[in-house]
Amino acid sequence: AHDVKYSYNFIDCSLSQGGIEQCKKARKKADGISPDVILVSPLERTLETCNLLFGDRGIPIFVEPILIESMRSSSDFPAEITQKIGRYPQYNFDSVLK
């Protein structure tokens, strides 16, 4: 039996379609808050979530590697960060690049 939890295919995976739908619903609530700054993990699914909720609002977004809280499955391991910088140009990756 193949252990999906530790599959190479899921390293730093994107949001599922279900996750995207959850973000679309949560966006309505997110529109009601106005943070001064946002800190986000460098994991792809957290970057996507943040982008769907706040990416077009002009709020400073800082990517902080310390926010990767656990390593329990393949999706908790970050992939190459340089690819993400190009996909999320509005995010500040300075802490990740140090």
Protein backbone atom coordinates (compact mmCIF):
# COMPACT_ATOMS: atom_id res chain seq x y z
CA ALA A 1 0.00 0.00 0.00
CA HIS A 2 1.24 3.47 -0.90
CA ASP A 3 1.26 6.05 1.90
CA VAL A 4 -0.31 9.16 0.34
CA LYS A 5 0.51 11.20 3.45
CA TYR A 6 4.21 11.01 2.53
CA SER A 7 3.97 11.03 -1.24
CA TYR A 8 6.45 13.09 -3.26
CA ASN A 9 3.48 14.29 -5.33
CA PHE A 10 2.15 16.24 -2.37
CA ILE A 11 5.28 18.12 -1.31
CA ASP A 12 4.14 21.70 -0.77
CA CYS A 13 0.96 21.04 -2.70
CA SER A 14 -1.56 23.60 -3.87
CA LEU A 15 -5.04 24.02 -2.50
CA SER A 16 -7.55 21.43 -3.58
CA GLN A 17 -10.68 22.56 -5.42
CA GLY A 18 -12.50 22.17 -2.11
CA GLY A 19 -9.96 24.47 -0.44
CA ILE A 20 -10.41 27.06 -3.16
CA GLU A 21 -14.18 26.93 -2.66
CA GLN A 22 -13.69 27.38 1.10
CA CYS A 23 -11.54 30.46 0.42
CA LYS A 24 -14.19 31.94 -1.85
CA LYS A 25 -16.74 31.60 0.96
CA ALA A 26 -14.29 32.94 3.55
CA ARG A 27 -13.50 35.95 1.33
CA LYS A 28 -16.89 37.44 2.22
CA LYS A 29 -15.89 37.44 5.89
CA ALA A 30 -12.33 38.58 5.12
CA ASP A 31 -13.70 41.62 3.32
CA GLY A 32 -15.01 42.76 6.70
CA ILE A 33 -11.55 42.99 8.30
CA SER A 34 -8.68 45.33 7.50
CA PRO A 35 -5.35 44.19 8.93
CA ASP A 36 -2.39 46.56 8.74
CA VAL A 37 -0.05 43.72 7.77
CA ILE A 38 -0.28 39.97 7.12
CA LEU A 39 2.31 37.32 7.97
CA VAL A 40 2.08 34.06 6.03
CA SER A 41 3.95 30.75 5.89
CA PRO A 42 5.96 30.02 2.71
CA LEU A 43 3.95 26.86 2.07
CA GLU A 44 2.08 27.00 -1.23
CA ARG A 45 -1.37 26.35 0.19
CA THR A 46 -0.97 29.18 2.72
CA LEU A 47 0.29 31.57 0.05
CA GLU A 48 -2.69 30.67 -2.14
CA THR A 49 -5.13 31.07 0.75
CA CYS A 50 -3.71 34.47 1.62
CA ASN A 51 -3.82 35.51 -2.02
CA LEU A 52 -7.46 34.50 -2.40
CA LEU A 53 -8.45 36.30 0.81
CA PHE A 54 -6.25 39.41 0.74
CA GLY A 55 -3.99 39.43 -2.34
CA ASP A 56 -5.79 42.22 -4.17
CA ARG A 57 -6.31 44.56 -1.23
CA GLY A 58 -2.94 46.34 -1.06
CA ILE A 59 -2.15 45.04 2.45
CA PRO A 60 1.59 44.40 3.05
CA ILE A 61 2.13 40.62 3.13
CA PHE A 62 5.33 39.19 4.62
CA VAL A 63 6.35 35.57 4.07
CA GLU A 64 7.83 34.20 7.31
CA PRO A 65 9.46 30.74 7.36
CA ILE A 66 9.05 30.46 11.13
CA LEU A 67 5.31 30.04 10.52
CA ILE A 68 5.75 26.49 9.18
CA GLU A 69 4.42 24.92 12.35
CA SER A 70 4.92 21.19 11.84
CA MET A 71 6.21 18.56 9.47
CA ARG A 72 3.55 15.86 9.56
CA SER A 73 3.05 15.05 5.89
CA SER A 74 4.50 15.78 2.47
CA SER A 75 2.39 18.92 2.12
CA ASP A 76 4.24 20.46 5.10
CA PHE A 77 7.61 20.53 3.34
CA PRO A 78 8.31 23.71 1.33
CA ALA A 79 9.34 23.49 -2.31
CA GLU A 80 11.79 25.77 -4.14
CA ILE A 81 11.05 29.31 -3.00
CA THR A 82 12.22 31.13 -6.15
CA GLN A 83 9.24 29.78 -8.11
CA LYS A 84 6.89 31.27 -5.53
CA ILE A 85 8.48 34.71 -5.69
CA GLY A 86 7.46 34.97 -9.33
CA ARG A 87 3.91 33.82 -8.64
CA TYR A 88 3.36 36.19 -5.70
CA PRO A 89 5.18 39.43 -6.57
CA GLN A 90 3.09 41.43 -4.09
CA TYR A 91 4.50 39.39 -1.15
CA ASN A 92 7.67 40.32 0.72
CA PHE A 93 10.01 37.28 0.77
CA ASP A 94 12.98 39.01 2.47
CA SER A 95 12.84 36.77 5.59
CA VAL A 96 12.89 33.64 3.47
CA LEU A 97 15.88 34.80 1.43
CA LYS A 98 18.14 35.60 4.41
